[in-house]
Amino acid sequence: GYTVPRWMKKDIESRGKKIIVCGDRNQL
């Protein structure tokens, strides 16, 4: 999830689905 750019956030969440995001925020 830490690699997902902010510009894509609106596209993802606009579909109205429940979302679970995982990842490692110590990465790039």
mmCIF file of all heavy atoms, coordinates in Angstrom:
data_MODEL
# 
_entry.id   MODEL 
# 
loop_
_atom_site.group_PDB 
_atom_site.id 
_atom_site.type_symbol 
_atom_site.label_atom_id 
_atom_site.label_alt_id 
_atom_site.label_comp_id 
_atom_site.label_asym_id 
_atom_site.label_entity_id 
_atom_site.label_seq_id 
_atom_site.pdbx_PDB_ins_code 
_atom_site.Cartn_x 
_atom_site.Cartn_y 
_atom_site.Cartn_z 
_atom_site.occupancy 
_atom_site.B_iso_or_equiv 
_atom_site.pdbx_formal_charge 
_atom_site.auth_seq_id 
_atom_site.auth_comp_id 
_atom_site.auth_asym_id 
_atom_site.auth_atom_id 
_atom_site.pdbx_PDB_model_num 
ATOM 1   N N   . GLY A 1 1  ? 0.791   -1.219 0.000   1.00 0.00 ? 1  GLY A N   1 
ATOM 2   C CA  . GLY A 1 1  ? 0.000   0.000  0.000   1.00 0.00 ? 1  GLY A CA  1 
ATOM 3   C C   . GLY A 1 1  ? 0.824   1.270  0.000   1.00 0.00 ? 1  GLY A C   1 
ATOM 4   O O   . GLY A 1 1  ? 0.348   2.312  -0.478  1.00 0.00 ? 1  GLY A O   1 
ATOM 5   N N   . TYR A 1 2  ? 2.054   1.217  0.507   1.00 0.00 ? 2  TYR A N   1 
ATOM 6   C CA  . TYR A 1 2  ? 2.889   2.420  0.578   1.00 0.00 ? 2  TYR A CA  1 
ATOM 7   C C   . TYR A 1 2  ? 3.370   2.851  -0.803  1.00 0.00 ? 2  TYR A C   1 
ATOM 8   O O   . TYR A 1 2  ? 3.837   3.978  -0.978  1.00 0.00 ? 2  TYR A O   1 
ATOM 9   C CB  . TYR A 1 2  ? 4.085   2.161  1.493   1.00 0.00 ? 2  TYR A CB  1 
ATOM 10  C CG  . TYR A 1 2  ? 4.721   3.418  2.046   1.00 0.00 ? 2  TYR A CG  1 
ATOM 11  C CD1 . TYR A 1 2  ? 4.001   4.294  2.856   1.00 0.00 ? 2  TYR A CD1 1 
ATOM 12  C CD2 . TYR A 1 2  ? 6.048   3.726  1.777   1.00 0.00 ? 2  TYR A CD2 1 
ATOM 13  C CE1 . TYR A 1 2  ? 4.587   5.446  3.368   1.00 0.00 ? 2  TYR A CE1 1 
ATOM 14  C CE2 . TYR A 1 2  ? 6.648   4.871  2.288   1.00 0.00 ? 2  TYR A CE2 1 
ATOM 15  C CZ  . TYR A 1 2  ? 5.907   5.730  3.081   1.00 0.00 ? 2  TYR A CZ  1 
ATOM 16  O OH  . TYR A 1 2  ? 6.485   6.873  3.584   1.00 0.00 ? 2  TYR A OH  1 
ATOM 17  N N   . THR A 1 3  ? 3.276   1.954  -1.806  1.00 0.00 ? 3  THR A N   1 
ATOM 18  C CA  . THR A 1 3  ? 3.704   2.302  -3.163  1.00 0.00 ? 3  THR A CA  1 
ATOM 19  C C   . THR A 1 3  ? 2.576   2.903  -3.999  1.00 0.00 ? 3  THR A C   1 
ATOM 20  O O   . THR A 1 3  ? 2.814   3.345  -5.128  1.00 0.00 ? 3  THR A O   1 
ATOM 21  C CB  . THR A 1 3  ? 4.244   1.062  -3.902  1.00 0.00 ? 3  THR A CB  1 
ATOM 22  O OG1 . THR A 1 3  ? 3.167   0.123  -4.095  1.00 0.00 ? 3  THR A OG1 1 
ATOM 23  C CG2 . THR A 1 3  ? 5.361   0.400  -3.119  1.00 0.00 ? 3  THR A CG2 1 
ATOM 24  N N   . VAL A 1 4  ? 1.355   2.931  -3.466  1.00 0.00 ? 4  VAL A N   1 
ATOM 25  C CA  . VAL A 1 4  ? 0.226   3.485  -4.213  1.00 0.00 ? 4  VAL A CA  1 
ATOM 26  C C   . VAL A 1 4  ? 0.318   5.012  -4.181  1.00 0.00 ? 4  VAL A C   1 
ATOM 27  O O   . VAL A 1 4  ? 0.334   5.612  -3.102  1.00 0.00 ? 4  VAL A O   1 
ATOM 28  C CB  . VAL A 1 4  ? -1.118  3.027  -3.619  1.00 0.00 ? 4  VAL A CB  1 
ATOM 29  C CG1 . VAL A 1 4  ? -2.284  3.636  -4.403  1.00 0.00 ? 4  VAL A CG1 1 
ATOM 30  C CG2 . VAL A 1 4  ? -1.214  1.506  -3.609  1.00 0.00 ? 4  VAL A CG2 1 
ATOM 31  N N   . PRO A 1 5  ? 0.367   5.681  -5.340  1.00 0.00 ? 5  PRO A N   1 
ATOM 32  C CA  . PRO A 1 5  ? 0.470   7.139  -5.341  1.00 0.00 ? 5  PRO A CA  1 
ATOM 33  C C   . PRO A 1 5  ? -0.841  7.796  -4.930  1.00 0.00 ? 5  PRO A C   1 
ATOM 34  O O   . PRO A 1 5  ? -1.923  7.244  -5.134  1.00 0.00 ? 5  PRO A O   1 
ATOM 35  C CB  . PRO A 1 5  ? 0.820   7.464  -6.793  1.00 0.00 ? 5  PRO A CB  1 
ATOM 36  C CG  . PRO A 1 5  ? 0.296   6.309  -7.581  1.00 0.00 ? 5  PRO A CG  1 
ATOM 37  C CD  . PRO A 1 5  ? 0.414   5.113  -6.694  1.00 0.00 ? 5  PRO A CD  1 
ATOM 38  N N   . ARG A 1 6  ? -0.723  8.992  -4.387  1.00 0.00 ? 6  ARG A N   1 
ATOM 39  C CA  . ARG A 1 6  ? -1.901  9.687  -3.870  1.00 0.00 ? 6  ARG A CA  1 
ATOM 40  C C   . ARG A 1 6  ? -2.938  9.958  -4.948  1.00 0.00 ? 6  ARG A C   1 
ATOM 41  O O   . ARG A 1 6  ? -4.136  9.954  -4.687  1.00 0.00 ? 6  ARG A O   1 
ATOM 42  C CB  . ARG A 1 6  ? -1.466  10.996 -3.204  1.00 0.00 ? 6  ARG A CB  1 
ATOM 43  C CG  . ARG A 1 6  ? -2.625  11.748 -2.530  1.00 0.00 ? 6  ARG A CG  1 
ATOM 44  C CD  . ARG A 1 6  ? -2.163  13.096 -1.992  1.00 0.00 ? 6  ARG A CD  1 
ATOM 45  N NE  . ARG A 1 6  ? -1.220  12.932 -0.898  1.00 0.00 ? 6  ARG A NE  1 
ATOM 46  C CZ  . ARG A 1 6  ? -0.571  13.954 -0.334  1.00 0.00 ? 6  ARG A CZ  1 
ATOM 47  N NH1 . ARG A 1 6  ? -0.753  15.183 -0.781  1.00 0.00 ? 6  ARG A NH1 1 
ATOM 48  N NH2 . ARG A 1 6  ? 0.267   13.737 0.652   1.00 0.00 ? 6  ARG A NH2 1 
ATOM 49  N N   . TRP A 1 7  ? -2.498  10.178 -6.196  1.00 0.00 ? 7  TRP A N   1 
ATOM 50  C CA  . TRP A 1 7  ? -3.447  10.510 -7.259  1.00 0.00 ? 7  TRP A CA  1 
ATOM 51  C C   . TRP A 1 7  ? -4.413  9.366  -7.546  1.00 0.00 ? 7  TRP A C   1 
ATOM 52  O O   . TRP A 1 7  ? -5.486  9.578  -8.119  1.00 0.00 ? 7  TRP A O   1 
ATOM 53  C CB  . TRP A 1 7  ? -2.725  10.928 -8.538  1.00 0.00 ? 7  TRP A CB  1 
ATOM 54  C CG  . TRP A 1 7  ? -1.829  9.871  -9.160  1.00 0.00 ? 7  TRP A CG  1 
ATOM 55  C CD1 . TRP A 1 7  ? -0.479  9.758  -9.020  1.00 0.00 ? 7  TRP A CD1 1 
ATOM 56  C CD2 . TRP A 1 7  ? -2.221  8.805  -10.037 1.00 0.00 ? 7  TRP A CD2 1 
ATOM 57  N NE1 . TRP A 1 7  ? 0.007   8.690  -9.733  1.00 0.00 ? 7  TRP A NE1 1 
ATOM 58  C CE2 . TRP A 1 7  ? -1.045  8.093  -10.373 1.00 0.00 ? 7  TRP A CE2 1 
ATOM 59  C CE3 . TRP A 1 7  ? -3.438  8.391  -10.565 1.00 0.00 ? 7  TRP A CE3 1 
ATOM 60  C CZ2 . TRP A 1 7  ? -1.056  6.978  -11.209 1.00 0.00 ? 7  TRP A CZ2 1 
ATOM 61  C CZ3 . TRP A 1 7  ? -3.463  7.272  -11.402 1.00 0.00 ? 7  TRP A CZ3 1 
ATOM 62  C CH2 . TRP A 1 7  ? -2.289  6.587  -11.717 1.00 0.00 ? 7  TRP A CH2 1 
ATOM 63  N N   . MET A 1 8  ? -4.056  8.136  -7.132  1.00 0.00 ? 8  MET A N   1 
ATOM 64  C CA  . MET A 1 8  ? -4.930  6.996  -7.405  1.00 0.00 ? 8  MET A CA  1 
ATOM 65  C C   . MET A 1 8  ? -5.929  6.746  -6.274  1.00 0.00 ? 8  MET A C   1 
ATOM 66  O O   . MET A 1 8  ? -6.882  5.978  -6.438  1.00 0.00 ? 8  MET A O   1 
ATOM 67  C CB  . MET A 1 8  ? -4.074  5.756  -7.650  1.00 0.00 ? 8  MET A CB  1 
ATOM 68  C CG  . MET A 1 8  ? -4.852  4.555  -8.140  1.00 0.00 ? 8  MET A CG  1 
ATOM 69  S SD  . MET A 1 8  ? -3.806  3.288  -8.865  1.00 0.00 ? 8  MET A SD  1 
ATOM 70  C CE  . MET A 1 8  ? -4.192  3.504  -10.602 1.00 0.00 ? 8  MET A CE  1 
ATOM 71  N N   . LYS A 1 9  ? -5.748  7.398  -5.138  1.00 0.00 ? 9  LYS A N   1 
ATOM 72  C CA  . LYS A 1 9  ? -6.596  7.163  -3.966  1.00 0.00 ? 9  LYS A CA  1 
ATOM 73  C C   . LYS A 1 9  ? -8.073  7.434  -4.264  1.00 0.00 ? 9  LYS A C   1 
ATOM 74  O O   . LYS A 1 9  ? -8.954  6.640  -3.908  1.00 0.00 ? 9  LYS A O   1 
ATOM 75  C CB  . LYS A 1 9  ? -6.107  8.043  -2.818  1.00 0.00 ? 9  LYS A CB  1 
ATOM 76  C CG  . LYS A 1 9  ? -6.876  7.886  -1.500  1.00 0.00 ? 9  LYS A CG  1 
ATOM 77  C CD  . LYS A 1 9  ? -6.291  8.854  -0.470  1.00 0.00 ? 9  LYS A CD  1 
ATOM 78  C CE  . LYS A 1 9  ? -7.066  8.829  0.832   1.00 0.00 ? 9  LYS A CE  1 
ATOM 79  N NZ  . LYS A 1 9  ? -6.814  7.613  1.611   1.00 0.00 ? 9  LYS A NZ  1 
ATOM 80  N N   . LYS A 1 10 ? -8.343  8.552  -4.956  1.00 0.00 ? 10 LYS A N   1 
ATOM 81  C CA  . LYS A 1 10 ? -9.731  8.910  -5.248  1.00 0.00 ? 10 LYS A CA  1 
ATOM 82  C C   . LYS A 1 10 ? -10.385 7.872  -6.152  1.00 0.00 ? 10 LYS A C   1 
ATOM 83  O O   . LYS A 1 10 ? -11.555 7.503  -5.950  1.00 0.00 ? 10 LYS A O   1 
ATOM 84  C CB  . LYS A 1 10 ? -9.781  10.288 -5.903  1.00 0.00 ? 10 LYS A CB  1 
ATOM 85  C CG  . LYS A 1 10 ? -11.189 10.780 -6.193  1.00 0.00 ? 10 LYS A CG  1 
ATOM 86  C CD  . LYS A 1 10 ? -11.179 12.176 -6.802  1.00 0.00 ? 10 LYS A CD  1 
ATOM 87  C CE  . LYS A 1 10 ? -12.598 12.649 -7.105  1.00 0.00 ? 10 LYS A CE  1 
ATOM 88  N NZ  . LYS A 1 10 ? -12.604 14.014 -7.704  1.00 0.00 ? 10 LYS A NZ  1 
ATOM 89  N N   . ASP A 1 11 ? -9.642  7.386  -7.153  1.00 0.00 ? 11 ASP A N   1 
ATOM 90  C CA  . ASP A 1 11 ? -10.191 6.381  -8.064  1.00 0.00 ? 11 ASP A CA  1 
ATOM 91  C C   . ASP A 1 11 ? -10.564 5.107  -7.311  1.00 0.00 ? 11 ASP A C   1 
ATOM 92  O O   . ASP A 1 11 ? -11.603 4.488  -7.577  1.00 0.00 ? 11 ASP A O   1 
ATOM 93  C CB  . ASP A 1 11 ? -9.171  6.043  -9.150  1.00 0.00 ? 11 ASP A CB  1 
ATOM 94  C CG  . ASP A 1 11 ? -9.038  7.149  -10.182 1.00 0.00 ? 11 ASP A CG  1 
ATOM 95  O OD1 . ASP A 1 11 ? -9.691  8.192  -10.010 1.00 0.00 ? 11 ASP A OD1 1 
ATOM 96  O OD2 . ASP A 1 11 ? -8.286  6.975  -11.153 1.00 0.00 ? 11 ASP A OD2 1 
ATOM 97  N N   . ILE A 1 12 ? -9.704  4.713  -6.375  1.00 0.00 ? 12 ILE A N   1 
ATOM 98  C CA  . ILE A 1 12 ? -9.947  3.479  -5.622  1.00 0.00 ? 12 ILE A CA  1 
ATOM 99  C C   . ILE A 1 12 ? -11.173 3.630  -4.723  1.00 0.00 ? 12 ILE A C   1 
ATOM 100 O O   . ILE A 1 12 ? -12.085 2.787  -4.731  1.00 0.00 ? 12 ILE A O   1 
ATOM 101 C CB  . ILE A 1 12 ? -8.706  3.119  -4.782  1.00 0.00 ? 12 ILE A CB  1 
ATOM 102 C CG1 . ILE A 1 12 ? -7.508  2.821  -5.693  1.00 0.00 ? 12 ILE A CG1 1 
ATOM 103 C CG2 . ILE A 1 12 ? -8.998  1.929  -3.870  1.00 0.00 ? 12 ILE A CG2 1 
ATOM 104 C CD1 . ILE A 1 12 ? -6.195  2.711  -4.957  1.00 0.00 ? 12 ILE A CD1 1 
ATOM 105 N N   . GLU A 1 13 ? -11.204 4.694  -3.957  1.00 0.00 ? 13 GLU A N   1 
ATOM 106 C CA  . GLU A 1 13 ? -12.248 4.836  -2.945  1.00 0.00 ? 13 GLU A CA  1 
ATOM 107 C C   . GLU A 1 13 ? -13.583 5.281  -3.529  1.00 0.00 ? 13 GLU A C   1 
ATOM 108 O O   . GLU A 1 13 ? -14.628 5.131  -2.876  1.00 0.00 ? 13 GLU A O   1 
ATOM 109 C CB  . GLU A 1 13 ? -11.765 5.806  -1.865  1.00 0.00 ? 13 GLU A CB  1 
ATOM 110 C CG  . GLU A 1 13 ? -10.536 5.281  -1.124  1.00 0.00 ? 13 GLU A CG  1 
ATOM 111 C CD  . GLU A 1 13 ? -10.032 6.222  -0.048  1.00 0.00 ? 13 GLU A CD  1 
ATOM 112 O OE1 . GLU A 1 13 ? -10.701 7.237  0.225   1.00 0.00 ? 13 GLU A OE1 1 
ATOM 113 O OE2 . GLU A 1 13 ? -8.947  5.947  0.512   1.00 0.00 ? 13 GLU A OE2 1 
ATOM 114 N N   . SER A 1 14 ? -13.579 5.798  -4.757  1.00 0.00 ? 14 SER A N   1 
ATOM 115 C CA  . SER A 1 14 ? -14.836 6.233  -5.370  1.00 0.00 ? 14 SER A CA  1 
ATOM 116 C C   . SER A 1 14 ? -15.759 5.063  -5.698  1.00 0.00 ? 14 SER A C   1 
ATOM 117 O O   . SER A 1 14 ? -16.952 5.273  -5.941  1.00 0.00 ? 14 SER A O   1 
ATOM 118 C CB  . SER A 1 14 ? -14.548 7.028  -6.649  1.00 0.00 ? 14 SER A CB  1 
ATOM 119 O OG  . SER A 1 14 ? -13.973 6.188  -7.653  1.00 0.00 ? 14 SER A OG  1 
ATOM 120 N N   . ARG A 1 15 ? -15.222 3.830  -5.672  1.00 0.00 ? 15 ARG A N   1 
ATOM 121 C CA  . ARG A 1 15 ? -16.065 2.681  -5.992  1.00 0.00 ? 15 ARG A CA  1 
ATOM 122 C C   . ARG A 1 15 ? -16.923 2.242  -4.809  1.00 0.00 ? 15 ARG A C   1 
ATOM 123 O O   . ARG A 1 15 ? -17.775 1.355  -4.945  1.00 0.00 ? 15 ARG A O   1 
ATOM 124 C CB  . ARG A 1 15 ? -15.203 1.504  -6.484  1.00 0.00 ? 15 ARG A CB  1 
ATOM 125 C CG  . ARG A 1 15 ? -14.261 1.861  -7.612  1.00 0.00 ? 15 ARG A CG  1 
ATOM 126 C CD  . ARG A 1 15 ? -14.950 2.568  -8.787  1.00 0.00 ? 15 ARG A CD  1 
ATOM 127 N NE  . ARG A 1 15 ? -15.843 1.701  -9.519  1.00 0.00 ? 15 ARG A NE  1 
ATOM 128 C CZ  . ARG A 1 15 ? -15.501 0.942  -10.561 1.00 0.00 ? 15 ARG A CZ  1 
ATOM 129 N NH1 . ARG A 1 15 ? -14.246 0.977  -10.989 1.00 0.00 ? 15 ARG A NH1 1 
ATOM 130 N NH2 . ARG A 1 15 ? -16.375 0.193  -11.174 1.00 0.00 ? 15 ARG A NH2 1 
ATOM 131 N N   . GLY A 1 16 ? -16.683 2.831  -3.637  1.00 0.00 ? 16 GLY A N   1 
ATOM 132 C CA  . GLY A 1 16 ? -17.551 2.592  -2.485  1.00 0.00 ? 16 GLY A CA  1 
ATOM 133 C C   . GLY A 1 16 ? -17.376 1.262  -1.793  1.00 0.00 ? 16 GLY A C   1 
ATOM 134 O O   . GLY A 1 16 ? -18.225 0.865  -0.981  1.00 0.00 ? 16 GLY A O   1 
ATOM 135 N N   . LYS A 1 17 ? -16.298 0.548  -2.053  1.00 0.00 ? 17 LYS A N   1 
ATOM 136 C CA  . LYS A 1 17 ? -16.079 -0.766 -1.448  1.00 0.00 ? 17 LYS A CA  1 
ATOM 137 C C   . LYS A 1 17 ? -15.301 -0.640 -0.136  1.00 0.00 ? 17 LYS A C   1 
ATOM 138 O O   . LYS A 1 17 ? -14.532 0.305  0.060   1.00 0.00 ? 17 LYS A O   1 
ATOM 139 C CB  . LYS A 1 17 ? -15.287 -1.667 -2.404  1.00 0.00 ? 17 LYS A CB  1 
ATOM 140 C CG  . LYS A 1 17 ? -15.872 -1.769 -3.800  1.00 0.00 ? 17 LYS A CG  1 
ATOM 141 C CD  . LYS A 1 17 ? -17.240 -2.398 -3.809  1.00 0.00 ? 17 LYS A CD  1 
ATOM 142 C CE  . LYS A 1 17 ? -17.779 -2.521 -5.236  1.00 0.00 ? 17 LYS A CE  1 
ATOM 143 N NZ  . LYS A 1 17 ? -19.124 -3.124 -5.285  1.00 0.00 ? 17 LYS A NZ  1 
ATOM 144 N N   . LYS A 1 18 ? -15.504 -1.604 0.762   1.00 0.00 ? 18 LYS A N   1 
ATOM 145 C CA  . LYS A 1 18 ? -14.630 -1.702 1.928   1.00 0.00 ? 18 LYS A CA  1 
ATOM 146 C C   . LYS A 1 18 ? -13.223 -2.051 1.443   1.00 0.00 ? 18 LYS A C   1 
ATOM 147 O O   . LYS A 1 18 ? -13.049 -2.834 0.500   1.00 0.00 ? 18 LYS A O   1 
ATOM 148 C CB  . LYS A 1 18 ? -15.123 -2.792 2.887   1.00 0.00 ? 18 LYS A CB  1 
ATOM 149 C CG  . LYS A 1 18 ? -16.359 -2.408 3.700   1.00 0.00 ? 18 LYS A CG  1 
ATOM 150 C CD  . LYS A 1 18 ? -15.994 -1.343 4.738   1.00 0.00 ? 18 LYS A CD  1 
ATOM 151 C CE  . LYS A 1 18 ? -17.169 -1.005 5.647   1.00 0.00 ? 18 LYS A CE  1 
ATOM 152 N NZ  . LYS A 1 18 ? -17.476 -2.059 6.617   1.00 0.00 ? 18 LYS A NZ  1 
ATOM 153 N N   . ILE A 1 19 ? -12.225 -1.465 2.111   1.00 0.00 ? 19 ILE A N   1 
ATOM 154 C CA  . ILE A 1 19 ? -10.843 -1.615 1.662   1.00 0.00 ? 19 ILE A CA  1 
ATOM 155 C C   . ILE A 1 19 ? -9.955  -2.003 2.838   1.00 0.00 ? 19 ILE A C   1 
ATOM 156 O O   . ILE A 1 19 ? -10.048 -1.408 3.914   1.00 0.00 ? 19 ILE A O   1 
ATOM 157 C CB  . ILE A 1 19 ? -10.320 -0.290 1.049   1.00 0.00 ? 19 ILE A CB  1 
ATOM 158 C CG1 . ILE A 1 19 ? -11.202 0.148  -0.127  1.00 0.00 ? 19 ILE A CG1 1 
ATOM 159 C CG2 . ILE A 1 19 ? -8.870  -0.444 0.599   1.00 0.00 ? 19 ILE A CG2 1 
ATOM 160 C CD1 . ILE A 1 19 ? -10.896 1.550  -0.621  1.00 0.00 ? 19 ILE A CD1 1 
ATOM 161 N N   . ILE A 1 20 ? -9.099  -2.993 2.621   1.00 0.00 ? 20 ILE A N   1 
ATOM 162 C CA  . ILE A 1 20 ? -8.047  -3.334 3.581   1.00 0.00 ? 20 ILE A CA  1 
ATOM 163 C C   . ILE A 1 20 ? -6.709  -3.120 2.879   1.00 0.00 ? 20 ILE A C   1 
ATOM 164 O O   . ILE A 1 20 ? -6.477  -3.636 1.784   1.00 0.00 ? 20 ILE A O   1 
ATOM 165 C CB  . ILE A 1 20 ? -8.175  -4.782 4.074   1.00 0.00 ? 20 ILE A CB  1 
ATOM 166 C CG1 . ILE A 1 20 ? -9.432  -4.935 4.930   1.00 0.00 ? 20 ILE A CG1 1 
ATOM 167 C CG2 . ILE A 1 20 ? -6.937  -5.197 4.867   1.00 0.00 ? 20 ILE A CG2 1 
ATOM 168 C CD1 . ILE A 1 20 ? -9.638  -6.325 5.482   1.00 0.00 ? 20 ILE A CD1 1 
ATOM 169 N N   . VAL A 1 21 ? -5.853  -2.330 3.513   1.00 0.00 ? 21 VAL A N   1 
ATOM 170 C CA  . VAL A 1 21 ? -4.543  -1.998 2.947   1.00 0.00 ? 21 VAL A CA  1 
ATOM 171 C C   . VAL A 1 21 ? -3.462  -2.515 3.880   1.00 0.00 ? 21 VAL A C   1 
ATOM 172 O O   . VAL A 1 21 ? -3.503  -2.274 5.095   1.00 0.00 ? 21 VAL A O   1 
ATOM 173 C CB  . VAL A 1 21 ? -4.381  -0.470 2.772   1.00 0.00 ? 21 VAL A CB  1 
ATOM 174 C CG1 . VAL A 1 21 ? -3.025  -0.154 2.140   1.00 0.00 ? 21 VAL A CG1 1 
ATOM 175 C CG2 . VAL A 1 21 ? -5.506  0.106  1.930   1.00 0.00 ? 21 VAL A CG2 1 
ATOM 176 N N   . CYS A 1 22 ? -2.491  -3.230 3.312   1.00 0.00 ? 22 CYS A N   1 
ATOM 177 C CA  . CYS A 1 22 ? -1.338  -3.657 4.116   1.00 0.00 ? 22 CYS A CA  1 
ATOM 178 C C   . CYS A 1 22 ? -0.062  -3.335 3.348   1.00 0.00 ? 22 CYS A C   1 
ATOM 179 O O   . CYS A 1 22 ? -0.091  -2.994 2.165   1.00 0.00 ? 22 CYS A O   1 
ATOM 180 C CB  . CYS A 1 22 ? -1.421  -5.141 4.451   1.00 0.00 ? 22 CYS A CB  1 
ATOM 181 S SG  . CYS A 1 22 ? -1.214  -6.254 3.045   1.00 0.00 ? 22 CYS A SG  1 
ATOM 182 N N   . GLY A 1 23 ? 1.040   -3.436 4.028   1.00 0.00 ? 23 GLY A N   1 
ATOM 183 C CA  . GLY A 1 23 ? 2.326   -3.126 3.423   1.00 0.00 ? 23 GLY A CA  1 
ATOM 184 C C   . GLY A 1 23 ? 3.334   -2.767 4.491   1.00 0.00 ? 23 GLY A C   1 
ATOM 185 O O   . GLY A 1 23 ? 3.098   -2.981 5.688   1.00 0.00 ? 23 GLY A O   1 
ATOM 186 N N   . ASP A 1 24 ? 4.450   -2.237 4.063   1.00 0.00 ? 24 ASP A N   1 
ATOM 187 C CA  . ASP A 1 24 ? 5.531   -1.864 4.974   1.00 0.00 ? 24 ASP A CA  1 
ATOM 188 C C   . ASP A 1 24 ? 5.897   -0.409 4.697   1.00 0.00 ? 24 ASP A C   1 
ATOM 189 O O   . ASP A 1 24 ? 6.489   -0.093 3.667   1.00 0.00 ? 24 ASP A O   1 
ATOM 190 C CB  . ASP A 1 24 ? 6.741   -2.776 4.743   1.00 0.00 ? 24 ASP A CB  1 
ATOM 191 C CG  . ASP A 1 24 ? 7.833   -2.572 5.772   1.00 0.00 ? 24 ASP A CG  1 
ATOM 192 O OD1 . ASP A 1 24 ? 7.803   -1.534 6.471   1.00 0.00 ? 24 ASP A OD1 1 
ATOM 193 O OD2 . ASP A 1 24 ? 8.714   -3.436 5.883   1.00 0.00 ? 24 ASP A OD2 1 
ATOM 194 N N   . ARG A 1 25 ? 5.543   0.479  5.620   1.00 0.00 ? 25 ARG A N   1 
ATOM 195 C CA  . ARG A 1 25 ? 5.780   1.894  5.361   1.00 0.00 ? 25 ARG A CA  1 
ATOM 196 C C   . ARG A 1 25 ? 7.218   2.322  5.620   1.00 0.00 ? 25 ARG A C   1 
ATOM 197 O O   . ARG A 1 25 ? 7.529   3.503  5.514   1.00 0.00 ? 25 ARG A O   1 
ATOM 198 C CB  . ARG A 1 25 ? 4.811   2.750  6.168   1.00 0.00 ? 25 ARG A CB  1 
ATOM 199 C CG  . ARG A 1 25 ? 4.900   2.652  7.665   1.00 0.00 ? 25 ARG A CG  1 
ATOM 200 C CD  . ARG A 1 25 ? 3.845   3.574  8.274   1.00 0.00 ? 25 ARG A CD  1 
ATOM 201 N NE  . ARG A 1 25 ? 3.810   3.529  9.724   1.00 0.00 ? 25 ARG A NE  1 
ATOM 202 C CZ  . ARG A 1 25 ? 2.905   4.184  10.447  1.00 0.00 ? 25 ARG A CZ  1 
ATOM 203 N NH1 . ARG A 1 25 ? 1.976   4.906  9.844   1.00 0.00 ? 25 ARG A NH1 1 
ATOM 204 N NH2 . ARG A 1 25 ? 2.922   4.115  11.760  1.00 0.00 ? 25 ARG A NH2 1 
ATOM 205 N N   . ASN A 1 26 ? 8.089   1.383  5.940   1.00 0.00 ? 26 ASN A N   1 
ATOM 206 C CA  . ASN A 1 26 ? 9.508   1.700  6.016   1.00 0.00 ? 26 ASN A CA  1 
ATOM 207 C C   . ASN A 1 26 ? 10.197  1.581  4.662   1.00 0.00 ? 26 ASN A C   1 
ATOM 208 O O   . ASN A 1 26 ? 11.381  1.886  4.545   1.00 0.00 ? 26 ASN A O   1 
ATOM 209 C CB  . ASN A 1 26 ? 10.198  0.775  7.023   1.00 0.00 ? 26 ASN A CB  1 
ATOM 210 C CG  . ASN A 1 26 ? 9.837   1.127  8.454   1.00 0.00 ? 26 ASN A CG  1 
ATOM 211 O OD1 . ASN A 1 26 ? 9.779   2.298  8.814   1.00 0.00 ? 26 ASN A OD1 1 
ATOM 212 N ND2 . ASN A 1 26 ? 9.560   0.118  9.262   1.00 0.00 ? 26 ASN A ND2 1 
ATOM 213 N N   . GLN A 1 27 ? 9.455   1.096  3.653   1.00 0.00 ? 27 GLN A N   1 
ATOM 214 C CA  . GLN A 1 27 ? 10.037  0.982  2.323   1.00 0.00 ? 27 GLN A CA  1 
ATOM 215 C C   . GLN A 1 27 ? 9.934   2.315  1.583   1.00 0.00 ? 27 GLN A C   1 
ATOM 216 O O   . GLN A 1 27 ? 9.429   3.297  2.101   1.00 0.00 ? 27 GLN A O   1 
ATOM 217 C CB  . GLN A 1 27 ? 9.354   -0.151 1.565   1.00 0.00 ? 27 GLN A CB  1 
ATOM 218 C CG  . GLN A 1 27 ? 9.593   -1.511 2.204   1.00 0.00 ? 27 GLN A CG  1 
ATOM 219 C CD  . GLN A 1 27 ? 9.133   -2.656 1.344   1.00 0.00 ? 27 GLN A CD  1 
ATOM 220 O OE1 . GLN A 1 27 ? 8.898   -2.509 0.156   1.00 0.00 ? 27 GLN A OE1 1 
ATOM 221 N NE2 . GLN A 1 27 ? 9.002   -3.831 1.946   1.00 0.00 ? 27 GLN A NE2 1 
ATOM 222 N N   . LEU A 1 28 ? 10.397  2.306  0.348   1.00 0.00 ? 28 LEU A N   1 
ATOM 223 C CA  . LEU A 1 28 ? 10.439  3.541  -0.437  1.00 0.00 ? 28 LEU A CA  1 
ATOM 224 C C   . LEU A 1 28 ? 9.036   3.966  -0.862  1.00 0.00 ? 28 LEU A C   1 
ATOM 225 O O   . LEU A 1 28 ? 8.225   3.123  -1.251  1.00 0.00 ? 28 LEU A O   1 
ATOM 226 C CB  . LEU A 1 28 ? 11.306  3.343  -1.681  1.00 0.00 ? 28 LEU A CB  1 
ATOM 227 C CG  . LEU A 1 28 ? 12.807  3.186  -1.433  1.00 0.00 ? 28 LEU A CG  1 
ATOM 228 C CD1 . LEU A 1 28 ? 13.491  2.718  -2.708  1.00 0.00 ? 28 LEU A CD1 1 
ATOM 229 C CD2 . LEU A 1 28 ? 13.421  4.497  -0.953  1.00 0.00 ? 28 LEU A CD2 1 
# 
